[in-house]
Amino acid sequence: MSIDLSLLLVILGCALVTFVPRIAPFVLIRNLRLPQPLLKFLNYIPICLLTALIVQGVLVKSGSGVSIDWHTLIIIIPTLLIALKTKSLLLTVLAGIVSAAIVRFIF
């Protein structure tokens, strides 16, 4: 497989477009002292995003409206319990992977 210059430039451009919005905010505010209320607010953003992703995965649009993806809900329950009990990201991810494998094997 050969890569010509235009393909290489497209790949580098995509990397730059992805890299800049993810890294620029950290570079710009790393030396700033943010107010405590803003820091408290920012602590809730990961929880909100994760909740939105989970709800989006469980609720599925169907012809008659919205339905629940029961397989995903079954996977989420033990994963959430492990997360709450251990507070370990590694154990939570492993519990999710194992739960998903078991549910997909059974169903």
PDB file of N, CA and C in Angstrom:
ATOM      1  N   MET A   1       0.837  -1.168   0.000  1.00  0.00           N
ATOM      2  CA  MET A   1       0.000   0.000   0.000  1.00  0.00           C
ATOM      3  C   MET A   1       0.888   1.240   0.000  1.00  0.00           C
ATOM      4  N   SER A   2       0.593   2.152  -0.863  1.00  0.00           N
ATOM      5  CA  SER A   2       1.385   3.376  -0.937  1.00  0.00           C
ATOM      6  C   SER A   2       0.537   4.564  -0.476  1.00  0.00           C
ATOM      7  N   ILE A   3       1.217   5.522   0.128  1.00  0.00           N
ATOM      8  CA  ILE A   3       0.545   6.729   0.599  1.00  0.00           C
ATOM      9  C   ILE A   3       1.116   7.903  -0.187  1.00  0.00           C
ATOM     10  N   ASP A   4       0.243   8.594  -0.897  1.00  0.00           N
ATOM     11  CA  ASP A   4       0.728   9.766  -1.621  1.00  0.00           C
ATOM     12  C   ASP A   4       0.644  10.998  -0.716  1.00  0.00           C
ATOM     13  N   LEU A   5       1.171  12.093  -1.174  1.00  0.00           N
ATOM     14  CA  LEU A   5       1.293  13.303  -0.366  1.00  0.00           C
ATOM     15  C   LEU A   5      -0.067  13.852   0.057  1.00  0.00           C
ATOM     16  N   SER A   6      -1.055  13.822  -0.834  1.00  0.00           N
ATOM     17  CA  SER A   6      -2.368  14.381  -0.485  1.00  0.00           C
ATOM     18  C   SER A   6      -3.030  13.586   0.644  1.00  0.00           C
ATOM     19  N   LEU A   7      -2.909  12.268   0.623  1.00  0.00           N
ATOM     20  CA  LEU A   7      -3.474  11.449   1.691  1.00  0.00           C
ATOM     21  C   LEU A   7      -2.758  11.724   3.012  1.00  0.00           C
ATOM     22  N   LEU A   8      -1.458  11.851   2.963  1.00  0.00           N
ATOM     23  CA  LEU A   8      -0.689  12.163   4.164  1.00  0.00           C
ATOM     24  C   LEU A   8      -1.088  13.519   4.731  1.00  0.00           C
ATOM     25  N   LEU A   9      -1.301  14.522   3.878  1.00  0.00           N
ATOM     26  CA  LEU A   9      -1.720  15.836   4.337  1.00  0.00           C
ATOM     27  C   LEU A   9      -3.119  15.796   4.947  1.00  0.00           C
ATOM     28  N   VAL A  10      -4.012  15.003   4.385  1.00  0.00           N
ATOM     29  CA  VAL A  10      -5.357  14.859   4.949  1.00  0.00           C
ATOM     30  C   VAL A  10      -5.281  14.221   6.340  1.00  0.00           C
ATOM     31  N   ILE A  11      -4.477  13.188   6.482  1.00  0.00           N
ATOM     32  CA  ILE A  11      -4.321  12.534   7.786  1.00  0.00           C
ATOM     33  C   ILE A  11      -3.736  13.504   8.804  1.00  0.00           C
ATOM     34  N   LEU A  12      -2.715  14.251   8.434  1.00  0.00           N
ATOM     35  CA  LEU A  12      -2.120  15.230   9.343  1.00  0.00           C
ATOM     36  C   LEU A  12      -3.106  16.345   9.684  1.00  0.00           C
ATOM     37  N   GLY A  13      -3.897  16.781   8.709  1.00  0.00           N
ATOM     38  CA  GLY A  13      -4.920  17.804   8.962  1.00  0.00           C
ATOM     39  C   GLY A  13      -5.975  17.304   9.932  1.00  0.00           C
ATOM     40  N   CYS A  14      -6.411  16.064   9.752  1.00  0.00           N
ATOM     41  CA  CYS A  14      -7.395  15.479  10.676  1.00  0.00           C
ATOM     42  C   CYS A  14      -6.818  15.368  12.085  1.00  0.00           C
ATOM     43  N   ALA A  15      -5.554  14.989  12.178  1.00  0.00           N
ATOM     44  CA  ALA A  15      -4.907  14.901  13.491  1.00  0.00           C
ATOM     45  C   ALA A  15      -4.841  16.273  14.145  1.00  0.00           C
ATOM     46  N   LEU A  16      -4.521  17.290  13.386  1.00  0.00           N
ATOM     47  CA  LEU A  16      -4.434  18.643  13.920  1.00  0.00           C
ATOM     48  C   LEU A  16      -5.803  19.141  14.374  1.00  0.00           C
ATOM     49  N   VAL A  17      -6.835  18.909  13.560  1.00  0.00           N
ATOM     50  CA  VAL A  17      -8.191  19.345  13.912  1.00  0.00           C
ATOM     51  C   VAL A  17      -8.684  18.617  15.158  1.00  0.00           C
ATOM     52  N   THR A  18      -8.268  17.396  15.356  1.00  0.00           N
ATOM     53  CA  THR A  18      -8.663  16.645  16.548  1.00  0.00           C
ATOM     54  C   THR A  18      -7.832  17.076  17.756  1.00  0.00           C
ATOM     55  N   PHE A  19      -6.568  17.319  17.553  1.00  0.00           N
ATOM     56  CA  PHE A  19      -5.637  17.625  18.640  1.00  0.00           C
ATOM     57  C   PHE A  19      -5.871  19.010  19.242  1.00  0.00           C
ATOM     58  N   VAL A  20      -6.063  20.003  18.406  1.00  0.00           N
ATOM     59  CA  VAL A  20      -6.142  21.395  18.884  1.00  0.00           C
ATOM     60  C   VAL A  20      -7.309  21.614  19.848  1.00  0.00           C
ATOM     61  N   PRO A  21      -8.551  21.232  19.541  1.00  0.00           N
ATOM     62  CA  PRO A  21      -9.626  21.509  20.511  1.00  0.00           C
ATOM     63  C   PRO A  21      -9.513  20.694  21.804  1.00  0.00           C
ATOM     64  N   ARG A  22      -8.804  19.591  21.771  1.00  0.00           N
ATOM     65  CA  ARG A  22      -8.665  18.785  22.990  1.00  0.00           C
ATOM     66  C   ARG A  22      -7.549  19.285  23.897  1.00  0.00           C
ATOM     67  N   ILE A  23      -6.505  19.820  23.318  1.00  0.00           N
ATOM     68  CA  ILE A  23      -5.337  20.229  24.088  1.00  0.00           C
ATOM     69  C   ILE A  23      -5.315  21.731  24.381  1.00  0.00           C
ATOM     70  N   ALA A  24      -5.823  22.545  23.468  1.00  0.00           N
ATOM     71  CA  ALA A  24      -5.753  24.000  23.636  1.00  0.00           C
ATOM     72  C   ALA A  24      -6.367  24.494  24.944  1.00  0.00           C
ATOM     73  N   PRO A  25      -7.540  24.021  25.365  1.00  0.00           N
ATOM     74  CA  PRO A  25      -8.078  24.515  26.634  1.00  0.00           C
ATOM     75  C   PRO A  25      -7.163  24.243  27.826  1.00  0.00           C
ATOM     76  N   PHE A  26      -6.523  23.083  27.853  1.00  0.00           N
ATOM     77  CA  PHE A  26      -5.617  22.767  28.955  1.00  0.00           C
ATOM     78  C   PHE A  26      -4.389  23.671  28.940  1.00  0.00           C
ATOM     79  N   VAL A  27      -3.874  23.943  27.767  1.00  0.00           N
ATOM     80  CA  VAL A  27      -2.697  24.798  27.653  1.00  0.00           C
ATOM     81  C   VAL A  27      -3.041  26.231  28.045  1.00  0.00           C
ATOM     82  N   LEU A  28      -4.238  26.687  27.659  1.00  0.00           N
ATOM     83  CA  LEU A  28      -4.616  28.068  27.924  1.00  0.00           C
ATOM     84  C   LEU A  28      -4.924  28.342  29.392  1.00  0.00           C
ATOM     85  N   ILE A  29      -5.481  27.369  30.113  1.00  0.00           N
ATOM     86  CA  ILE A  29      -5.885  27.645  31.495  1.00  0.00           C
ATOM     87  C   ILE A  29      -4.989  27.004  32.549  1.00  0.00           C
ATOM     88  N   ARG A  30      -3.927  26.365  32.141  1.00  0.00           N
ATOM     89  CA  ARG A  30      -3.109  25.658  33.137  1.00  0.00           C
ATOM     90  C   ARG A  30      -2.453  26.597  34.141  1.00  0.00           C
ATOM     91  N   ASN A  31      -2.184  27.825  33.759  1.00  0.00           N
ATOM     92  CA  ASN A  31      -1.545  28.770  34.679  1.00  0.00           C
ATOM     93  C   ASN A  31      -2.544  29.723  35.330  1.00  0.00           C
ATOM     94  N   LEU A  32      -3.818  29.576  35.024  1.00  0.00           N
ATOM     95  CA  LEU A  32      -4.836  30.443  35.613  1.00  0.00           C
ATOM     96  C   LEU A  32      -5.346  29.842  36.912  1.00  0.00           C
ATOM     97  N   ARG A  33      -5.733  30.697  37.819  1.00  0.00           N
ATOM     98  CA  ARG A  33      -6.357  30.251  39.060  1.00  0.00           C
ATOM     99  C   ARG A  33      -7.856  30.458  38.893  1.00  0.00           C
ATOM    100  N   LEU A  34      -8.570  29.363  38.736  1.00  0.00           N
ATOM    101  CA  LEU A  34     -10.010  29.440  38.501  1.00  0.00           C
ATOM    102  C   LEU A  34     -10.745  29.604  39.825  1.00  0.00           C
ATOM    103  N   PRO A  35     -11.869  30.334  39.806  1.00  0.00           N
ATOM    104  CA  PRO A  35     -12.641  30.503  41.036  1.00  0.00           C
ATOM    105  C   PRO A  35     -13.213  29.165  41.525  1.00  0.00           C
ATOM    106  N   GLN A  36     -13.357  29.049  42.836  1.00  0.00           N
ATOM    107  CA  GLN A  36     -13.835  27.810  43.440  1.00  0.00           C
ATOM    108  C   GLN A  36     -15.218  27.395  42.929  1.00  0.00           C
ATOM    109  N   PRO A  37     -16.193  28.322  42.758  1.00  0.00           N
ATOM    110  CA  PRO A  37     -17.498  27.891  42.231  1.00  0.00           C
ATOM    111  C   PRO A  37     -17.401  27.283  40.824  1.00  0.00           C
ATOM    112  N   LEU A  38     -16.508  27.826  40.002  1.00  0.00           N
ATOM    113  CA  LEU A  38     -16.328  27.266  38.660  1.00  0.00           C
ATOM    114  C   LEU A  38     -15.715  25.874  38.739  1.00  0.00           C
ATOM    115  N   LEU A  39     -14.740  25.677  39.599  1.00  0.00           N
ATOM    116  CA  LEU A  39     -14.137  24.351  39.767  1.00  0.00           C
ATOM    117  C   LEU A  39     -15.166  23.342  40.280  1.00  0.00           C
ATOM    118  N   LYS A  40     -16.019  23.774  41.194  1.00  0.00           N
ATOM    119  CA  LYS A  40     -17.064  22.888  41.712  1.00  0.00           C
ATOM    120  C   LYS A  40     -18.018  22.498  40.589  1.00  0.00           C
ATOM    121  N   PHE A  41     -18.378  23.473  39.753  1.00  0.00           N
ATOM    122  CA  PHE A  41     -19.249  23.204  38.611  1.00  0.00           C
ATOM    123  C   PHE A  41     -18.582  22.232  37.625  1.00  0.00           C
ATOM    124  N   LEU A  42     -17.321  22.443  37.343  1.00  0.00           N
ATOM    125  CA  LEU A  42     -16.607  21.602  36.376  1.00  0.00           C
ATOM    126  C   LEU A  42     -16.464  20.158  36.860  1.00  0.00           C
ATOM    127  N   ASN A  43     -16.494  19.940  38.170  1.00  0.00           N
ATOM    128  CA  ASN A  43     -16.414  18.575  38.699  1.00  0.00           C
ATOM    129  C   ASN A  43     -17.616  17.728  38.304  1.00  0.00           C
ATOM    130  N   TYR A  44     -18.752  18.354  38.013  1.00  0.00           N
ATOM    131  CA  TYR A  44     -19.959  17.610  37.662  1.00  0.00           C
ATOM    132  C   TYR A  44     -20.043  17.256  36.181  1.00  0.00           C
ATOM    133  N   ILE A  45     -19.220  17.831  35.360  1.00  0.00           N
ATOM    134  CA  ILE A  45     -19.315  17.591  33.919  1.00  0.00           C
ATOM    135  C   ILE A  45     -19.079  16.129  33.543  1.00  0.00           C
ATOM    136  N   PRO A  46     -18.053  15.436  34.060  1.00  0.00           N
ATOM    137  CA  PRO A  46     -17.895  14.022  33.681  1.00  0.00           C
ATOM    138  C   PRO A  46     -19.108  13.168  34.063  1.00  0.00           C
ATOM    139  N   ILE A  47     -19.706  13.444  35.216  1.00  0.00           N
ATOM    140  CA  ILE A  47     -20.871  12.678  35.650  1.00  0.00           C
ATOM    141  C   ILE A  47     -22.035  12.912  34.695  1.00  0.00           C
ATOM    142  N   CYS A  48     -22.239  14.167  34.316  1.00  0.00           N
ATOM    143  CA  CYS A  48     -23.337  14.494  33.403  1.00  0.00           C
ATOM    144  C   CYS A  48     -23.136  13.848  32.032  1.00  0.00           C
ATOM    145  N   LEU A  49     -21.920  13.907  31.525  1.00  0.00           N
ATOM    146  CA  LEU A  49     -21.649  13.311  30.213  1.00  0.00           C
ATOM    147  C   LEU A  49     -21.811  11.794  30.245  1.00  0.00           C
ATOM    148  N   LEU A  50     -21.309  11.164  31.287  1.00  0.00           N
ATOM    149  CA  LEU A  50     -21.436   9.718  31.398  1.00  0.00           C
ATOM    150  C   LEU A  50     -22.896   9.305  31.514  1.00  0.00           C
ATOM    151  N   THR A  51     -23.666  10.050  32.295  1.00  0.00           N
ATOM    152  CA  THR A  51     -25.093   9.758  32.429  1.00  0.00           C
ATOM    153  C   THR A  51     -25.803   9.900  31.092  1.00  0.00           C
ATOM    154  N   ALA A  52     -25.490  10.944  30.353  1.00  0.00           N
ATOM    155  CA  ALA A  52     -26.111  11.144  29.042  1.00  0.00           C
ATOM    156  C   ALA A  52     -25.769   9.995  28.094  1.00  0.00           C
ATOM    157  N   LEU A  53     -24.529   9.547  28.109  1.00  0.00           N
ATOM    158  CA  LEU A  53     -24.141   8.431  27.243  1.00  0.00           C
ATOM    159  C   LEU A  53     -24.840   7.136  27.638  1.00  0.00           C
ATOM    160  N   ILE A  54     -24.967   6.899  28.936  1.00  0.00           N
ATOM    161  CA  ILE A  54     -25.628   5.677  29.405  1.00  0.00           C
ATOM    162  C   ILE A  54     -27.102   5.689  29.043  1.00  0.00           C
ATOM    163  N   VAL A  55     -27.765   6.811  29.291  1.00  0.00           N
ATOM    164  CA  VAL A  55     -29.194   6.905  28.968  1.00  0.00           C
ATOM    165  C   VAL A  55     -29.407   6.762  27.466  1.00  0.00           C
ATOM    166  N   GLN A  56     -28.541   7.355  26.670  1.00  0.00           N
ATOM    167  CA  GLN A  56     -28.643   7.234  25.225  1.00  0.00           C
ATOM    168  C   GLN A  56     -28.472   5.786  24.782  1.00  0.00           C
ATOM    169  N   GLY A  57     -27.642   5.033  25.475  1.00  0.00           N
ATOM    170  CA  GLY A  57     -27.449   3.631  25.122  1.00  0.00           C
ATOM    171  C   GLY A  57     -28.600   2.740  25.541  1.00  0.00           C
ATOM    172  N   VAL A  58     -29.275   3.110  26.629  1.00  0.00           N
ATOM    173  CA  VAL A  58     -30.376   2.281  27.135  1.00  0.00           C
ATOM    174  C   VAL A  58     -31.682   2.588  26.407  1.00  0.00           C
ATOM    175  N   LEU A  59     -31.943   3.859  26.140  1.00  0.00           N
ATOM    176  CA  LEU A  59     -33.172   4.233  25.453  1.00  0.00           C
ATOM    177  C   LEU A  59     -32.947   4.224  23.949  1.00  0.00           C
ATOM    178  N   VAL A  60     -33.750   3.432  23.252  1.00  0.00           N
ATOM    179  CA  VAL A  60     -33.583   3.246  21.816  1.00  0.00           C
ATOM    180  C   VAL A  60     -34.841   3.714  21.107  1.00  0.00           C
ATOM    181  N   LYS A  61     -34.669   4.489  20.046  1.00  0.00           N
ATOM    182  CA  LYS A  61     -35.814   4.948  19.272  1.00  0.00           C
ATOM    183  C   LYS A  61     -36.344   3.783  18.445  1.00  0.00           C
ATOM    184  N   SER A  62     -37.641   3.548  18.585  1.00  0.00           N
ATOM    185  CA  SER A  62     -38.275   2.495  17.794  1.00  0.00           C
ATOM    186  C   SER A  62     -39.420   3.117  17.005  1.00  0.00           C
ATOM    187  N   GLY A  63     -40.102   2.298  16.205  1.00  0.00           N
ATOM    188  CA  GLY A  63     -41.181   2.802  15.376  1.00  0.00           C
ATOM    189  C   GLY A  63     -42.306   3.443  16.169  1.00  0.00           C
ATOM    190  N   SER A  64     -42.596   2.919  17.353  1.00  0.00           N
ATOM    191  CA  SER A  64     -43.704   3.435  18.156  1.00  0.00           C
ATOM    192  C   SER A  64     -43.260   4.425  19.220  1.00  0.00           C
ATOM    193  N   GLY A  65     -42.037   4.857  19.213  1.00  0.00           N
ATOM    194  CA  GLY A  65     -41.547   5.804  20.216  1.00  0.00           C
ATOM    195  C   GLY A  65     -40.192   5.409  20.733  1.00  0.00           C
ATOM    196  N   VAL A  66     -40.085   5.334  22.042  1.00  0.00           N
ATOM    197  CA  VAL A  66     -38.814   5.000  22.678  1.00  0.00           C
ATOM    198  C   VAL A  66     -38.987   3.709  23.462  1.00  0.00           C
ATOM    199  N   SER A  67     -38.017   2.821  23.318  1.00  0.00           N
ATOM    200  CA  SER A  67     -38.050   1.568  24.074  1.00  0.00           C
ATOM    201  C   SER A  67     -36.728   1.394  24.824  1.00  0.00           C
ATOM    202  N   ILE A  68     -36.712   0.429  25.695  1.00  0.00           N
ATOM    203  CA  ILE A  68     -35.526   0.160  26.512  1.00  0.00           C
ATOM    204  C   ILE A  68     -34.758  -1.004  25.912  1.00  0.00           C
ATOM    205  N   ASP A  69     -33.447  -0.825  25.767  1.00  0.00           N
ATOM    206  CA  ASP A  69     -32.576  -1.917  25.344  1.00  0.00           C
ATOM    207  C   ASP A  69     -32.223  -2.714  26.604  1.00  0.00           C
ATOM    208  N   TRP A  70     -32.931  -3.813  26.803  1.00  0.00           N
ATOM    209  CA  TRP A  70     -32.811  -4.577  28.044  1.00  0.00           C
ATOM    210  C   TRP A  70     -31.432  -5.203  28.215  1.00  0.00           C
ATOM    211  N   HIS A  71     -30.803  -5.585  27.123  1.00  0.00           N
ATOM    212  CA  HIS A  71     -29.455  -6.173  27.223  1.00  0.00           C
ATOM    213  C   HIS A  71     -28.474  -5.143  27.790  1.00  0.00           C
ATOM    214  N   THR A  72     -28.559  -3.915  27.293  1.00  0.00           N
ATOM    215  CA  THR A  72     -27.672  -2.865  27.784  1.00  0.00           C
ATOM    216  C   THR A  72     -27.965  -2.558  29.246  1.00  0.00           C
ATOM    217  N   LEU A  73     -29.231  -2.531  29.607  1.00  0.00           N
ATOM    218  CA  LEU A  73     -29.595  -2.270  30.996  1.00  0.00           C
ATOM    219  C   LEU A  73     -29.075  -3.367  31.925  1.00  0.00           C
ATOM    220  N   ILE A  74     -29.130  -4.617  31.465  1.00  0.00           N
ATOM    221  CA  ILE A  74     -28.603  -5.731  32.261  1.00  0.00           C
ATOM    222  C   ILE A  74     -27.088  -5.587  32.445  1.00  0.00           C
ATOM    223  N   ILE A  75     -26.407  -5.101  31.427  1.00  0.00           N
ATOM    224  CA  ILE A  75     -24.957  -4.899  31.514  1.00  0.00           C
ATOM    225  C   ILE A  75     -24.636  -3.750  32.476  1.00  0.00           C
ATOM    226  N   ILE A  76     -25.437  -2.712  32.462  1.00  0.00           N
ATOM    227  CA  ILE A  76     -25.163  -1.524  33.267  1.00  0.00           C
ATOM    228  C   ILE A  76     -25.304  -1.798  34.759  1.00  0.00           C
ATOM    229  N   ILE A  77     -26.272  -2.617  35.149  1.00  0.00           N
ATOM    230  CA  ILE A  77     -26.549  -2.813  36.577  1.00  0.00           C
ATOM    231  C   ILE A  77     -25.342  -3.351  37.355  1.00  0.00           C
ATOM    232  N   PRO A  78     -24.733  -4.489  36.967  1.00  0.00           N
ATOM    233  CA  PRO A  78     -23.564  -4.933  37.747  1.00  0.00           C
ATOM    234  C   PRO A  78     -22.368  -3.985  37.616  1.00  0.00           C
ATOM    235  N   THR A  79     -22.240  -3.355  36.462  1.00  0.00           N
ATOM    236  CA  THR A  79     -21.143  -2.409  36.274  1.00  0.00           C
ATOM    237  C   THR A  79     -21.293  -1.220  37.223  1.00  0.00           C
ATOM    238  N   LEU A  80     -22.496  -0.706  37.340  1.00  0.00           N
ATOM    239  CA  LEU A  80     -22.745   0.409  38.241  1.00  0.00           C
ATOM    240  C   LEU A  80     -22.530   0.006  39.700  1.00  0.00           C
ATOM    241  N   LEU A  81     -22.968  -1.182  40.063  1.00  0.00           N
ATOM    242  CA  LEU A  81     -22.775  -1.649  41.433  1.00  0.00           C
ATOM    243  C   LEU A  81     -21.289  -1.782  41.779  1.00  0.00           C
ATOM    244  N   ILE A  82     -20.513  -2.324  40.848  1.00  0.00           N
ATOM    245  CA  ILE A  82     -19.058  -2.437  41.052  1.00  0.00           C
ATOM    246  C   ILE A  82     -18.432  -1.047  41.170  1.00  0.00           C
ATOM    247  N   ALA A  83     -18.879  -0.116  40.320  1.00  0.00           N
ATOM    248  CA  ALA A  83     -18.328   1.243  40.361  1.00  0.00           C
ATOM    249  C   ALA A  83     -18.617   1.907  41.695  1.00  0.00           C
ATOM    250  N   LEU A  84     -19.840   1.758  42.186  1.00  0.00           N
ATOM    251  CA  LEU A  84     -20.200   2.390  43.454  1.00  0.00           C
ATOM    252  C   LEU A  84     -19.480   1.746  44.631  1.00  0.00           C
ATOM    253  N   LYS A  85     -19.291   0.437  44.576  1.00  0.00           N
ATOM    254  CA  LYS A  85     -18.667  -0.272  45.698  1.00  0.00           C
ATOM    255  C   LYS A  85     -17.149  -0.053  45.733  1.00  0.00           C
ATOM    256  N   THR A  86     -16.486  -0.173  44.572  1.00  0.00           N
ATOM    257  CA  THR A  86     -15.023  -0.131  44.568  1.00  0.00           C
ATOM    258  C   THR A  86     -14.442   1.241  44.268  1.00  0.00           C
ATOM    259  N   LYS A  87     -15.164   2.070  43.532  1.00  0.00           N
ATOM    260  CA  LYS A  87     -14.664   3.375  43.077  1.00  0.00           C
ATOM    261  C   LYS A  87     -13.372   3.230  42.269  1.00  0.00           C
ATOM    262  N   SER A  88     -13.225   2.075  41.631  1.00  0.00           N
ATOM    263  CA  SER A  88     -12.036   1.804  40.827  1.00  0.00           C
ATOM    264  C   SER A  88     -12.425   1.777  39.350  1.00  0.00           C
ATOM    265  N   LEU A  89     -11.776   2.619  38.556  1.00  0.00           N
ATOM    266  CA  LEU A  89     -12.069   2.660  37.129  1.00  0.00           C
ATOM    267  C   LEU A  89     -11.721   1.338  36.460  1.00  0.00           C
ATOM    268  N   LEU A  90     -10.590   0.753  36.830  1.00  0.00           N
ATOM    269  CA  LEU A  90     -10.167  -0.511  36.226  1.00  0.00           C
ATOM    270  C   LEU A  90     -11.177  -1.622  36.503  1.00  0.00           C
ATOM    271  N   LEU A  91     -11.585  -1.770  37.761  1.00  0.00           N
ATOM    272  CA  LEU A  91     -12.546  -2.819  38.099  1.00  0.00           C
ATOM    273  C   LEU A  91     -13.907  -2.559  37.448  1.00  0.00           C
ATOM    274  N   THR A  92     -14.288  -1.293  37.335  1.00  0.00           N
ATOM    275  CA  THR A  92     -15.555  -0.952  36.692  1.00  0.00           C
ATOM    276  C   THR A  92     -15.533  -1.322  35.218  1.00  0.00           C
ATOM    277  N   VAL A  93     -14.453  -0.983  34.536  1.00  0.00           N
ATOM    278  CA  VAL A  93     -14.342  -1.321  33.116  1.00  0.00           C
ATOM    279  C   VAL A  93     -14.318  -2.835  32.931  1.00  0.00           C
ATOM    280  N   LEU A  94     -13.567  -3.530  33.761  1.00  0.00           N
ATOM    281  CA  LEU A  94     -13.529  -4.991  33.670  1.00  0.00           C
ATOM    282  C   LEU A  94     -14.900  -5.603  33.934  1.00  0.00           C
ATOM    283  N   ALA A  95     -15.624  -5.066  34.915  1.00  0.00           N
ATOM    284  CA  ALA A  95     -16.972  -5.568  35.198  1.00  0.00           C
ATOM    285  C   ALA A  95     -17.886  -5.330  34.008  1.00  0.00           C
ATOM    286  N   GLY A  96     -17.768  -4.193  33.370  1.00  0.00           N
ATOM    287  CA  GLY A  96     -18.575  -3.909  32.185  1.00  0.00           C
ATOM    288  C   GLY A  96     -18.257  -4.841  31.034  1.00  0.00           C
ATOM    289  N   ILE A  97     -16.980  -5.098  30.821  1.00  0.00           N
ATOM    290  CA  ILE A  97     -16.579  -5.997  29.728  1.00  0.00           C
ATOM    291  C   ILE A  97     -17.056  -7.417  29.993  1.00  0.00           C
ATOM    292  N   VAL A  98     -16.864  -7.887  31.217  1.00  0.00           N
ATOM    293  CA  VAL A  98     -17.303  -9.247  31.563  1.00  0.00           C
ATOM    294  C   VAL A  98     -18.821  -9.351  31.486  1.00  0.00           C
ATOM    295  N   SER A  99     -19.526  -8.352  31.997  1.00  0.00           N
ATOM    296  CA  SER A  99     -20.987  -8.362  31.933  1.00  0.00           C
ATOM    297  C   SER A  99     -21.474  -8.383  30.488  1.00  0.00           C
ATOM    298  N   ALA A 100     -20.854  -7.562  29.638  1.00  0.00           N
ATOM    299  CA  ALA A 100     -21.243  -7.527  28.230  1.00  0.00           C
ATOM    300  C   ALA A 100     -20.972  -8.877  27.561  1.00  0.00           C
ATOM    301  N   ALA A 101     -19.847  -9.484  27.870  1.00  0.00           N
ATOM    302  CA  ALA A 101     -19.528 -10.786  27.268  1.00  0.00           C
ATOM    303  C   ALA A 101     -20.535 -11.843  27.701  1.00  0.00           C
ATOM    304  N   ILE A 102     -20.878 -11.844  28.975  1.00  0.00           N
ATOM    305  CA  ILE A 102     -21.837 -12.846  29.478  1.00  0.00           C
ATOM    306  C   ILE A 102     -23.211 -12.635  28.865  1.00  0.00           C
ATOM    307  N   VAL A 103     -23.686 -11.381  28.836  1.00  0.00           N
ATOM    308  CA  VAL A 103     -25.012 -11.102  28.278  1.00  0.00           C
ATOM    309  C   VAL A 103     -25.046 -11.449  26.792  1.00  0.00           C
ATOM    310  N   ARG A 104     -24.013 -11.092  26.058  1.00  0.00           N
ATOM    311  CA  ARG A 104     -24.001 -11.404  24.622  1.00  0.00           C
ATOM    312  C   ARG A 104     -23.854 -12.899  24.368  1.00  0.00           C
ATOM    313  N   PHE A 105     -23.187 -13.612  25.271  1.00  0.00           N
ATOM    314  CA  PHE A 105     -23.071 -15.059  25.125  1.00  0.00           C
ATOM    315  C   PHE A 105     -24.421 -15.731  25.366  1.00  0.00           C
ATOM    316  N   ILE A 106     -25.125 -15.279  26.394  1.00  0.00           N
ATOM    317  CA  ILE A 106     -26.419 -15.878  26.746  1.00  0.00           C
ATOM    318  C   ILE A 106     -27.499 -15.513  25.721  1.00  0.00           C
ATOM    319  N   PHE A 107     -27.549 -14.267  25.319  1.00  0.00           N
ATOM    320  CA  PHE A 107     -28.603 -13.819  24.407  1.00  0.00           C
ATOM    321  C   PHE A 107     -28.089 -13.732  22.999  1.00  0.00           C
TER     322      PHE A 107
END
